[in-house]
Each structure stands twice: as C-alpha cells, then as structure tokens.
Full PDB file with SEQRES, HELIX, SHEET, SSBOND, CRYST1, ORIGX, SCALE, CONECT and MASTER records, all heavy atoms in Angstrom:
SEQRES   1 A   34  LEU CYS GLN LYS ASN ILE GLU ILE GLN ALA ALA CYS THR          
SEQRES   2 A   34  GLU ILE GLU ASN HIS LEU GLU GLU LEU ARG LYS GLU GLY          
SEQRES   3 A   34  SER GLU ARG GLY TRP SER LEU GLU                              
HELIX    1 AA1 CYS A    2  ARG A   29  1                                  28    
CRYST1    1.000    1.000    1.000  90.00  90.00  90.00 P 1           1          
ORIGX1      1.000000  0.000000  0.000000        0.00000                         
ORIGX2      0.000000  1.000000  0.000000        0.00000                         
ORIGX3      0.000000  0.000000  1.000000        0.00000                         
SCALE1      1.000000  0.000000  0.000000        0.00000                         
SCALE2      0.000000  1.000000  0.000000        0.00000                         
SCALE3      0.000000  0.000000  1.000000        0.00000                         
ATOM      1  N   LEU A   1      -3.755 -14.978  18.301  1.00  0.00           N  
ATOM      2  CA  LEU A   1      -4.114 -15.048  16.875  1.00  0.00           C  
ATOM      3  C   LEU A   1      -4.879 -13.791  16.459  1.00  0.00           C  
ATOM      4  O   LEU A   1      -4.675 -13.229  15.386  1.00  0.00           O  
ATOM      5  CB  LEU A   1      -4.953 -16.285  16.595  1.00  0.00           C  
ATOM      6  CG  LEU A   1      -4.255 -17.620  16.707  1.00  0.00           C  
ATOM      7  CD1 LEU A   1      -5.212 -18.780  16.532  1.00  0.00           C  
ATOM      8  CD2 LEU A   1      -3.115 -17.707  15.678  1.00  0.00           C  
ATOM      9  N   CYS A   2      -5.756 -13.294  17.333  1.00  0.00           N  
ATOM     10  CA  CYS A   2      -6.488 -12.079  17.027  1.00  0.00           C  
ATOM     11  C   CYS A   2      -5.541 -10.899  16.938  1.00  0.00           C  
ATOM     12  O   CYS A   2      -5.670 -10.070  16.043  1.00  0.00           O  
ATOM     13  CB  CYS A   2      -7.525 -11.795  18.120  1.00  0.00           C  
ATOM     14  SG  CYS A   2      -8.931 -12.974  18.131  1.00  0.00           S  
ATOM     15  N   GLN A   3      -4.576 -10.853  17.860  1.00  0.00           N  
ATOM     16  CA  GLN A   3      -3.579  -9.753  17.797  1.00  0.00           C  
ATOM     17  C   GLN A   3      -2.751  -9.887  16.514  1.00  0.00           C  
ATOM     18  O   GLN A   3      -2.442  -8.853  15.869  1.00  0.00           O  
ATOM     19  CB  GLN A   3      -2.657  -9.847  19.022  1.00  0.00           C  
ATOM     20  CG  GLN A   3      -1.681  -8.669  19.123  1.00  0.00           C  
ATOM     21  CD  GLN A   3      -2.393  -7.370  19.289  1.00  0.00           C  
ATOM     22  OE1 GLN A   3      -3.477  -7.300  19.855  1.00  0.00           O  
ATOM     23  NE2 GLN A   3      -1.759  -6.268  18.770  1.00  0.00           N  
ATOM     24  N   LYS A   4      -2.411 -11.110  16.108  1.00  0.00           N  
ATOM     25  CA  LYS A   4      -1.647 -11.300  14.881  1.00  0.00           C  
ATOM     26  C   LYS A   4      -2.497 -10.875  13.678  1.00  0.00           C  
ATOM     27  O   LYS A   4      -1.972 -10.278  12.736  1.00  0.00           O  
ATOM     28  CB  LYS A   4      -1.242 -12.765  14.758  1.00  0.00           C  
ATOM     29  CG  LYS A   4      -0.348 -13.052  13.562  1.00  0.00           C  
ATOM     30  CD  LYS A   4       0.071 -14.524  13.511  1.00  0.00           C  
ATOM     31  CE  LYS A   4       0.915 -14.880  14.700  1.00  0.00           C  
ATOM     32  NZ  LYS A   4       1.385 -16.248  14.636  1.00  0.00           N  
ATOM     33  N   ASN A   5      -3.805 -11.196  13.718  1.00  0.00           N  
ATOM     34  CA  ASN A   5      -4.684 -10.760  12.617  1.00  0.00           C  
ATOM     35  C   ASN A   5      -4.712  -9.275  12.505  1.00  0.00           C  
ATOM     36  O   ASN A   5      -4.707  -8.662  11.414  1.00  0.00           O  
ATOM     37  CB  ASN A   5      -6.078 -11.338  12.806  1.00  0.00           C  
ATOM     38  CG  ASN A   5      -6.132 -12.815  12.603  1.00  0.00           C  
ATOM     39  OD1 ASN A   5      -5.287 -13.394  11.906  1.00  0.00           O  
ATOM     40  ND2 ASN A   5      -7.162 -13.456  13.160  1.00  0.00           N  
ATOM     41  N   ILE A   6      -4.733  -8.610  13.685  1.00  0.00           N  
ATOM     42  CA  ILE A   6      -4.747  -7.150  13.675  1.00  0.00           C  
ATOM     43  C   ILE A   6      -3.441  -6.603  13.100  1.00  0.00           C  
ATOM     44  O   ILE A   6      -3.433  -5.660  12.295  1.00  0.00           O  
ATOM     45  CB  ILE A   6      -4.985  -6.608  15.101  1.00  0.00           C  
ATOM     46  CG1 ILE A   6      -6.389  -7.008  15.584  1.00  0.00           C  
ATOM     47  CG2 ILE A   6      -4.801  -5.100  15.178  1.00  0.00           C  
ATOM     48  CD1 ILE A   6      -6.664  -6.628  17.026  1.00  0.00           C  
ATOM     49  N   GLU A   7      -2.293  -7.212  13.474  1.00  0.00           N  
ATOM     50  CA  GLU A   7      -1.018  -6.780  12.930  1.00  0.00           C  
ATOM     51  C   GLU A   7      -0.960  -7.016  11.438  1.00  0.00           C  
ATOM     52  O   GLU A   7      -0.426  -6.156  10.691  1.00  0.00           O  
ATOM     53  CB  GLU A   7       0.108  -7.539  13.653  1.00  0.00           C  
ATOM     54  CG  GLU A   7       0.234  -7.184  15.132  1.00  0.00           C  
ATOM     55  CD  GLU A   7       1.271  -8.027  15.838  1.00  0.00           C  
ATOM     56  OE1 GLU A   7       1.841  -8.918  15.160  1.00  0.00           O  
ATOM     57  OE2 GLU A   7       1.486  -7.828  17.056  1.00  0.00           O  
ATOM     58  N   ILE A   8      -1.475  -8.180  10.991  1.00  0.00           N  
ATOM     59  CA  ILE A   8      -1.480  -8.461   9.553  1.00  0.00           C  
ATOM     60  C   ILE A   8      -2.358  -7.446   8.801  1.00  0.00           C  
ATOM     61  O   ILE A   8      -1.990  -6.917   7.729  1.00  0.00           O  
ATOM     62  CB  ILE A   8      -1.950  -9.864   9.282  1.00  0.00           C  
ATOM     63  CG1 ILE A   8      -0.924 -10.902   9.808  1.00  0.00           C  
ATOM     64  CG2 ILE A   8      -2.211 -10.132   7.778  1.00  0.00           C  
ATOM     65  CD1 ILE A   8      -1.378 -12.331   9.721  1.00  0.00           C  
ATOM     66  N   GLN A   9      -3.545  -7.139   9.417  1.00  0.00           N  
ATOM     67  CA  GLN A   9      -4.433  -6.175   8.798  1.00  0.00           C  
ATOM     68  C   GLN A   9      -3.766  -4.788   8.764  1.00  0.00           C  
ATOM     69  O   GLN A   9      -3.871  -4.061   7.738  1.00  0.00           O  
ATOM     70  CB  GLN A   9      -5.742  -6.102   9.583  1.00  0.00           C  
ATOM     71  CG  GLN A   9      -6.761  -5.154   8.993  1.00  0.00           C  
ATOM     72  CD  GLN A   9      -8.034  -5.113   9.810  1.00  0.00           C  
ATOM     73  OE1 GLN A   9      -8.166  -5.753  10.815  1.00  0.00           O  
ATOM     74  NE2 GLN A   9      -8.995  -4.305   9.359  1.00  0.00           N  
ATOM     75  N   ALA A  10      -3.017  -4.423   9.816  1.00  0.00           N  
ATOM     76  CA  ALA A  10      -2.332  -3.114   9.798  1.00  0.00           C  
ATOM     77  C   ALA A  10      -1.235  -3.131   8.766  1.00  0.00           C  
ATOM     78  O   ALA A  10      -1.027  -2.107   8.024  1.00  0.00           O  
ATOM     79  CB  ALA A  10      -1.768  -2.868  11.170  1.00  0.00           C  
ATOM     80  N   ALA A  11      -0.466  -4.252   8.596  1.00  0.00           N  
ATOM     81  CA  ALA A  11       0.559  -4.338   7.614  1.00  0.00           C  
ATOM     82  C   ALA A  11      -0.011  -4.251   6.214  1.00  0.00           C  
ATOM     83  O   ALA A  11       0.554  -3.558   5.293  1.00  0.00           O  
ATOM     84  CB  ALA A  11       1.333  -5.653   7.786  1.00  0.00           C  
ATOM     85  N   CYS A  12      -1.161  -4.935   5.964  1.00  0.00           N  
ATOM     86  CA  CYS A  12      -1.815  -4.856   4.662  1.00  0.00           C  
ATOM     87  C   CYS A  12      -2.246  -3.443   4.363  1.00  0.00           C  
ATOM     88  O   CYS A  12      -2.107  -2.933   3.215  1.00  0.00           O  
ATOM     89  CB  CYS A  12      -2.983  -5.790   4.595  1.00  0.00           C  
ATOM     90  SG  CYS A  12      -2.528  -7.569   4.655  1.00  0.00           S  
ATOM     91  N   THR A  13      -2.778  -2.780   5.365  1.00  0.00           N  
ATOM     92  CA  THR A  13      -3.191  -1.382   5.184  1.00  0.00           C  
ATOM     93  C   THR A  13      -2.026  -0.497   4.845  1.00  0.00           C  
ATOM     94  O   THR A  13      -2.115   0.381   3.977  1.00  0.00           O  
ATOM     95  CB  THR A  13      -3.929  -0.892   6.447  1.00  0.00           C  
ATOM     96  OG1 THR A  13      -5.038  -1.745   6.733  1.00  0.00           O  
ATOM     97  CG2 THR A  13      -4.425   0.553   6.244  1.00  0.00           C  
ATOM     98  N   GLU A  14      -0.895  -0.750   5.546  1.00  0.00           N  
ATOM     99  CA  GLU A  14       0.305   0.042   5.272  1.00  0.00           C  
ATOM    100  C   GLU A  14       0.820  -0.207   3.856  1.00  0.00           C  
ATOM    101  O   GLU A  14       1.234   0.721   3.136  1.00  0.00           O  
ATOM    102  CB  GLU A  14       1.399  -0.315   6.305  1.00  0.00           C  
ATOM    103  CG  GLU A  14       2.686   0.527   6.143  1.00  0.00           C  
ATOM    104  CD  GLU A  14       3.691   0.164   7.197  1.00  0.00           C  
ATOM    105  OE1 GLU A  14       3.369  -0.671   8.074  1.00  0.00           O  
ATOM    106  OE2 GLU A  14       4.815   0.729   7.149  1.00  0.00           O  
ATOM    107  N   ILE A  15       0.807  -1.475   3.417  1.00  0.00           N  
ATOM    108  CA  ILE A  15       1.256  -1.768   2.037  1.00  0.00           C  
ATOM    109  C   ILE A  15       0.320  -1.134   1.014  1.00  0.00           C  
ATOM    110  O   ILE A  15       0.808  -0.609  -0.015  1.00  0.00           O  
ATOM    111  CB  ILE A  15       1.316  -3.333   1.861  1.00  0.00           C  
ATOM    112  CG1 ILE A  15       2.434  -3.904   2.733  1.00  0.00           C  
ATOM    113  CG2 ILE A  15       1.556  -3.678   0.384  1.00  0.00           C  
ATOM    114  CD1 ILE A  15       2.468  -5.403   2.737  1.00  0.00           C  
ATOM    115  N   GLU A  16      -1.006  -1.180   1.285  1.00  0.00           N  
ATOM    116  CA  GLU A  16      -1.958  -0.590   0.365  1.00  0.00           C  
ATOM    117  C   GLU A  16      -1.708   0.918   0.282  1.00  0.00           C  
ATOM    118  O   GLU A  16      -1.775   1.540  -0.815  1.00  0.00           O  
ATOM    119  CB  GLU A  16      -3.367  -0.896   0.808  1.00  0.00           C  
ATOM    120  CG  GLU A  16      -3.790  -2.348   0.605  1.00  0.00           C  
ATOM    121  CD  GLU A  16      -5.192  -2.618   1.100  1.00  0.00           C  
ATOM    122  OE1 GLU A  16      -5.798  -1.684   1.635  1.00  0.00           O  
ATOM    123  OE2 GLU A  16      -5.652  -3.752   0.935  1.00  0.00           O  
ATOM    124  N   ASN A  17      -1.434   1.539   1.423  1.00  0.00           N  
ATOM    125  CA  ASN A  17      -1.150   2.990   1.416  1.00  0.00           C  
ATOM    126  C   ASN A  17       0.127   3.276   0.642  1.00  0.00           C  
ATOM    127  O   ASN A  17       0.230   4.279  -0.107  1.00  0.00           O  
ATOM    128  CB  ASN A  17      -1.042   3.484   2.853  1.00  0.00           C  
ATOM    129  CG  ASN A  17      -2.366   3.433   3.588  1.00  0.00           C  
ATOM    130  OD1 ASN A  17      -3.439   3.440   2.962  1.00  0.00           O  
ATOM    131  ND2 ASN A  17      -2.281   3.349   4.912  1.00  0.00           N  
ATOM    132  N   HIS A  18       1.151   2.390   0.790  1.00  0.00           N  
ATOM    133  CA  HIS A  18       2.384   2.620   0.099  1.00  0.00           C  
ATOM    134  C   HIS A  18       2.203   2.455  -1.399  1.00  0.00           C  
ATOM    135  O   HIS A  18       2.743   3.241  -2.215  1.00  0.00           O  
ATOM    136  CB  HIS A  18       3.447   1.614   0.614  1.00  0.00           C  
ATOM    137  CG  HIS A  18       4.776   1.769  -0.063  1.00  0.00           C  
ATOM    138  ND1 HIS A  18       5.562   2.908   0.076  1.00  0.00           N  
ATOM    139  CD2 HIS A  18       5.455   0.906  -0.863  1.00  0.00           C  
ATOM    140  CE1 HIS A  18       6.681   2.748  -0.636  1.00  0.00           C  
ATOM    141  NE2 HIS A  18       6.638   1.556  -1.210  1.00  0.00           N  
ATOM    142  N   LEU A  19       1.386   1.438  -1.796  1.00  0.00           N  
ATOM    143  CA  LEU A  19       1.077   1.271  -3.201  1.00  0.00           C  
ATOM    144  C   LEU A  19       0.334   2.463  -3.786  1.00  0.00           C  
ATOM    145  O   LEU A  19       0.557   2.877  -4.940  1.00  0.00           O  
ATOM    146  CB  LEU A  19       0.281  -0.020  -3.416  1.00  0.00           C  
ATOM    147  CG  LEU A  19       1.030  -1.350  -3.193  1.00  0.00           C  
ATOM    148  CD1 LEU A  19       0.113  -2.536  -3.347  1.00  0.00           C  
ATOM    149  CD2 LEU A  19       2.179  -1.468  -4.198  1.00  0.00           C  
ATOM    150  N   GLU A  20      -0.575   2.988  -2.977  1.00  0.00           N  
ATOM    151  CA  GLU A  20      -1.329   4.149  -3.486  1.00  0.00           C  
ATOM    152  C   GLU A  20      -0.399   5.360  -3.678  1.00  0.00           C  
ATOM    153  O   GLU A  20      -0.536   6.108  -4.649  1.00  0.00           O  
ATOM    154  CB  GLU A  20      -2.436   4.499  -2.455  1.00  0.00           C  
ATOM    155  CG  GLU A  20      -3.381   5.608  -2.892  1.00  0.00           C  
ATOM    156  CD  GLU A  20      -4.182   5.201  -4.111  1.00  0.00           C  
ATOM    157  OE1 GLU A  20      -4.399   3.976  -4.338  1.00  0.00           O  
ATOM    158  OE2 GLU A  20      -4.607   6.113  -4.845  1.00  0.00           O  
ATOM    159  N   GLU A  21       0.575   5.502  -2.746  1.00  0.00           N  
ATOM    160  CA  GLU A  21       1.527   6.573  -2.921  1.00  0.00           C  
ATOM    161  C   GLU A  21       2.387   6.372  -4.165  1.00  0.00           C  
ATOM    162  O   GLU A  21       2.698   7.307  -4.911  1.00  0.00           O  
ATOM    163  CB  GLU A  21       2.430   6.665  -1.681  1.00  0.00           C  
ATOM    164  CG  GLU A  21       1.686   7.123  -0.422  1.00  0.00           C  
ATOM    165  CD  GLU A  21       2.593   7.112   0.786  1.00  0.00           C  
ATOM    166  OE1 GLU A  21       3.795   6.701   0.619  1.00  0.00           O  
ATOM    167  OE2 GLU A  21       2.127   7.520   1.856  1.00  0.00           O  
ATOM    168  N   LEU A  22       2.760   5.082  -4.443  1.00  0.00           N  
ATOM    169  CA  LEU A  22       3.518   4.811  -5.662  1.00  0.00           C  
ATOM    170  C   LEU A  22       2.735   5.112  -6.914  1.00  0.00           C  
ATOM    171  O   LEU A  22       3.259   5.595  -7.926  1.00  0.00           O  
ATOM    172  CB  LEU A  22       4.010   3.333  -5.667  1.00  0.00           C  
ATOM    173  CG  LEU A  22       5.058   2.962  -4.614  1.00  0.00           C  
ATOM    174  CD1 LEU A  22       5.366   1.490  -4.686  1.00  0.00           C  
ATOM    175  CD2 LEU A  22       6.327   3.780  -4.784  1.00  0.00           C  
ATOM    176  N   ARG A  23       1.429   4.768  -6.875  1.00  0.00           N  
ATOM    177  CA  ARG A  23       0.591   5.057  -8.040  1.00  0.00           C  
ATOM    178  C   ARG A  23       0.529   6.576  -8.288  1.00  0.00           C  
ATOM    179  O   ARG A  23       0.564   7.039  -9.431  1.00  0.00           O  
ATOM    180  CB  ARG A  23      -0.788   4.475  -7.843  1.00  0.00           C  
ATOM    181  CG  ARG A  23      -0.891   2.956  -7.846  1.00  0.00           C  
ATOM    182  CD  ARG A  23      -2.348   2.483  -7.901  1.00  0.00           C  
ATOM    183  NE  ARG A  23      -2.419   1.038  -7.826  1.00  0.00           N  
ATOM    184  CZ  ARG A  23      -2.604   0.355  -6.722  1.00  0.00           C  
ATOM    185  NH1 ARG A  23      -2.718   1.004  -5.549  1.00  0.00           N  
ATOM    186  NH2 ARG A  23      -2.681  -0.952  -6.774  1.00  0.00           N  
ATOM    187  N   LYS A  24       0.353   7.299  -7.237  1.00  0.00           N  
ATOM    188  CA  LYS A  24       0.314   8.783  -7.395  1.00  0.00           C  
ATOM    189  C   LYS A  24       1.623   9.318  -7.924  1.00  0.00           C  
ATOM    190  O   LYS A  24       1.626  10.161  -8.835  1.00  0.00           O  
ATOM    191  CB  LYS A  24      -0.050   9.429  -6.054  1.00  0.00           C  
ATOM    192  CG  LYS A  24      -1.454   9.152  -5.561  1.00  0.00           C  
ATOM    193  CD  LYS A  24      -1.705   9.879  -4.248  1.00  0.00           C  
ATOM    194  CE  LYS A  24      -3.144   9.606  -3.764  1.00  0.00           C  
ATOM    195  NZ  LYS A  24      -3.380  10.296  -2.456  1.00  0.00           N  
ATOM    196  N   GLU A  25       2.734   8.816  -7.374  1.00  0.00           N  
ATOM    197  CA  GLU A  25       4.042   9.280  -7.825  1.00  0.00           C  
ATOM    198  C   GLU A  25       4.277   8.890  -9.262  1.00  0.00           C  
ATOM    199  O   GLU A  25       4.814   9.652 -10.080  1.00  0.00           O  
ATOM    200  CB  GLU A  25       5.115   8.721  -6.922  1.00  0.00           C  
ATOM    201  CG  GLU A  25       6.512   9.222  -7.272  1.00  0.00           C  
ATOM    202  CD  GLU A  25       7.566   8.663  -6.392  1.00  0.00           C  
ATOM    203  OE1 GLU A  25       7.198   7.951  -5.399  1.00  0.00           O  
ATOM    204  OE2 GLU A  25       8.788   8.914  -6.572  1.00  0.00           O  
ATOM    205  N   GLY A  26       3.870   7.654  -9.616  1.00  0.00           N  
ATOM    206  CA  GLY A  26       4.056   7.191 -10.977  1.00  0.00           C  
ATOM    207  C   GLY A  26       3.187   7.971 -11.952  1.00  0.00           C  
ATOM    208  O   GLY A  26       3.637   8.283 -13.094  1.00  0.00           O  
ATOM    209  N   SER A  27       1.952   8.295 -11.544  1.00  0.00           N  
ATOM    210  CA  SER A  27       1.107   9.071 -12.437  1.00  0.00           C  
ATOM    211  C   SER A  27       1.667  10.476 -12.615  1.00  0.00           C  
ATOM    212  O   SER A  27       1.544  11.084 -13.708  1.00  0.00           O  
ATOM    213  CB  SER A  27      -0.305   9.142 -11.875  1.00  0.00           C  
ATOM    214  OG  SER A  27      -0.329   9.759 -10.609  1.00  0.00           O  
ATOM    215  N   GLU A  28       2.310  11.057 -11.590  1.00  0.00           N  
ATOM    216  CA  GLU A  28       2.898  12.360 -11.716  1.00  0.00           C  
ATOM    217  C   GLU A  28       4.120  12.337 -12.672  1.00  0.00           C  
ATOM    218  O   GLU A  28       4.350  13.329 -13.387  1.00  0.00           O  
ATOM    219  CB  GLU A  28       3.320  12.890 -10.329  1.00  0.00           C  
ATOM    220  CG  GLU A  28       2.143  13.177  -9.411  1.00  0.00           C  
ATOM    221  CD  GLU A  28       2.601  13.562  -8.023  1.00  0.00           C  
ATOM    222  OE1 GLU A  28       3.844  13.516  -7.801  1.00  0.00           O  
ATOM    223  OE2 GLU A  28       1.745  13.914  -7.186  1.00  0.00           O  
ATOM    224  N   ARG A  29       4.859  11.229 -12.693  1.00  0.00           N  
ATOM    225  CA  ARG A  29       6.055  11.131 -13.579  1.00  0.00           C  
ATOM    226  C   ARG A  29       5.733  10.500 -14.906  1.00  0.00           C  
ATOM    227  O   ARG A  29       6.595  10.341 -15.750  1.00  0.00           O  
ATOM    228  CB  ARG A  29       7.114  10.313 -12.872  1.00  0.00           C  
ATOM    229  CG  ARG A  29       7.643  10.937 -11.591  1.00  0.00           C  
ATOM    230  CD  ARG A  29       8.784  10.126 -11.020  1.00  0.00           C  
ATOM    231  NE  ARG A  29       9.301  10.734  -9.804  1.00  0.00           N  
ATOM    232  CZ  ARG A  29      10.365  10.277  -9.123  1.00  0.00           C  
ATOM    233  NH1 ARG A  29      11.031   9.226  -9.585  1.00  0.00           N  
ATOM    234  NH2 ARG A  29      10.756  10.879  -8.029  1.00  0.00           N  
ATOM    235  N   GLY A  30       4.471  10.107 -15.080  1.00  0.00           N  
ATOM    236  CA  GLY A  30       4.066   9.548 -16.372  1.00  0.00           C  
ATOM    237  C   GLY A  30       4.377   8.062 -16.500  1.00  0.00           C  
ATOM    238  O   GLY A  30       4.500   7.554 -17.606  1.00  0.00           O  
ATOM    239  N   TRP A  31       4.555   7.356 -15.367  1.00  0.00           N  
ATOM    240  CA  TRP A  31       4.827   5.929 -15.394  1.00  0.00           C  
ATOM    241  C   TRP A  31       3.545   5.153 -15.305  1.00  0.00           C  
ATOM    242  O   TRP A  31       2.555   5.594 -14.704  1.00  0.00           O  
ATOM    243  CB  TRP A  31       5.765   5.572 -14.231  1.00  0.00           C  
ATOM    244  CG  TRP A  31       7.115   6.197 -14.328  1.00  0.00           C  
ATOM    245  CD1 TRP A  31       7.674   6.791 -15.411  1.00  0.00           C  
ATOM    246  CD2 TRP A  31       8.030   6.343 -13.241  1.00  0.00           C  
ATOM    247  NE1 TRP A  31       8.924   7.280 -15.130  1.00  0.00           N  
ATOM    248  CE2 TRP A  31       9.156   7.035 -13.783  1.00  0.00           C  
ATOM    249  CE3 TRP A  31       8.007   6.009 -11.896  1.00  0.00           C  
ATOM    250  CZ2 TRP A  31      10.291   7.350 -12.991  1.00  0.00           C  
ATOM    251  CZ3 TRP A  31       9.137   6.292 -11.123  1.00  0.00           C  
ATOM    252  CH2 TRP A  31      10.249   6.983 -11.686  1.00  0.00           C  
ATOM    253  N   SER A  32       3.584   3.962 -15.854  1.00  0.00           N  
ATOM    254  CA  SER A  32       2.443   3.033 -15.751  1.00  0.00           C  
ATOM    255  C   SER A  32       2.812   1.963 -14.747  1.00  0.00           C  
ATOM    256  O   SER A  32       3.498   0.994 -15.072  1.00  0.00           O  
ATOM    257  CB  SER A  32       2.141   2.424 -17.131  1.00  0.00           C  
ATOM    258  OG  SER A  32       1.049   1.528 -17.012  1.00  0.00           O  
ATOM    259  N   LEU A  33       2.388   2.129 -13.528  1.00  0.00           N  
ATOM    260  CA  LEU A  33       2.735   1.182 -12.464  1.00  0.00           C  
ATOM    261  C   LEU A  33       2.118  -0.159 -12.676  1.00  0.00           C  
ATOM    262  O   LEU A  33       2.734  -1.223 -12.390  1.00  0.00           O  
ATOM    263  CB  LEU A  33       2.335   1.773 -11.098  1.00  0.00           C  
ATOM    264  CG  LEU A  33       2.696   0.940  -9.886  1.00  0.00           C  
ATOM    265  CD1 LEU A  33       4.201   0.714  -9.798  1.00  0.00           C  
ATOM    266  CD2 LEU A  33       2.176   1.578  -8.612  1.00  0.00           C  
ATOM    267  N   GLU A  34       0.897  -0.181 -13.162  1.00  0.00           N  
ATOM    268  CA  GLU A  34       0.205  -1.469 -13.376  1.00  0.00           C  
ATOM    269  C   GLU A  34       0.957  -2.310 -14.413  1.00  0.00           C  
ATOM    270  O   GLU A  34       1.130  -3.514 -14.232  1.00  0.00           O  
ATOM    271  CB  GLU A  34      -1.234  -1.225 -13.813  1.00  0.00           C  
ATOM    272  CG  GLU A  34      -2.070  -0.440 -12.809  1.00  0.00           C  
ATOM    273  CD  GLU A  34      -2.270  -1.232 -11.520  1.00  0.00           C  
ATOM    274  OE1 GLU A  34      -2.175  -2.470 -11.558  1.00  0.00           O  
ATOM    275  OE2 GLU A  34      -2.468  -0.596 -10.448  1.00  0.00           O  
TER     276      GLU A  34                                                      
MASTER        0    0    0    1    0    0    0    6  275    1    0    3          
END                                                                             
C-alpha cells in the first residue's frame, strides 16, 4: 500500500506537471485553459 501510495503520488505529480505545461502552452497561444 505504501508503494502504491508512492506510485499514486508520482502519477499525481506527473499530471500536475503536464497540466502546468498545458497552461504555459495555452497562455502562449492565447487560450484560456481554465
């Protein structure tokens, strides 16, 4: 379970990083991601 929590935490971190990249890309193209 601890290992699964670590994997879930890593996946959440990866998704947050991907969302942050999308926000940056959207702001560069003038899109409103929110």
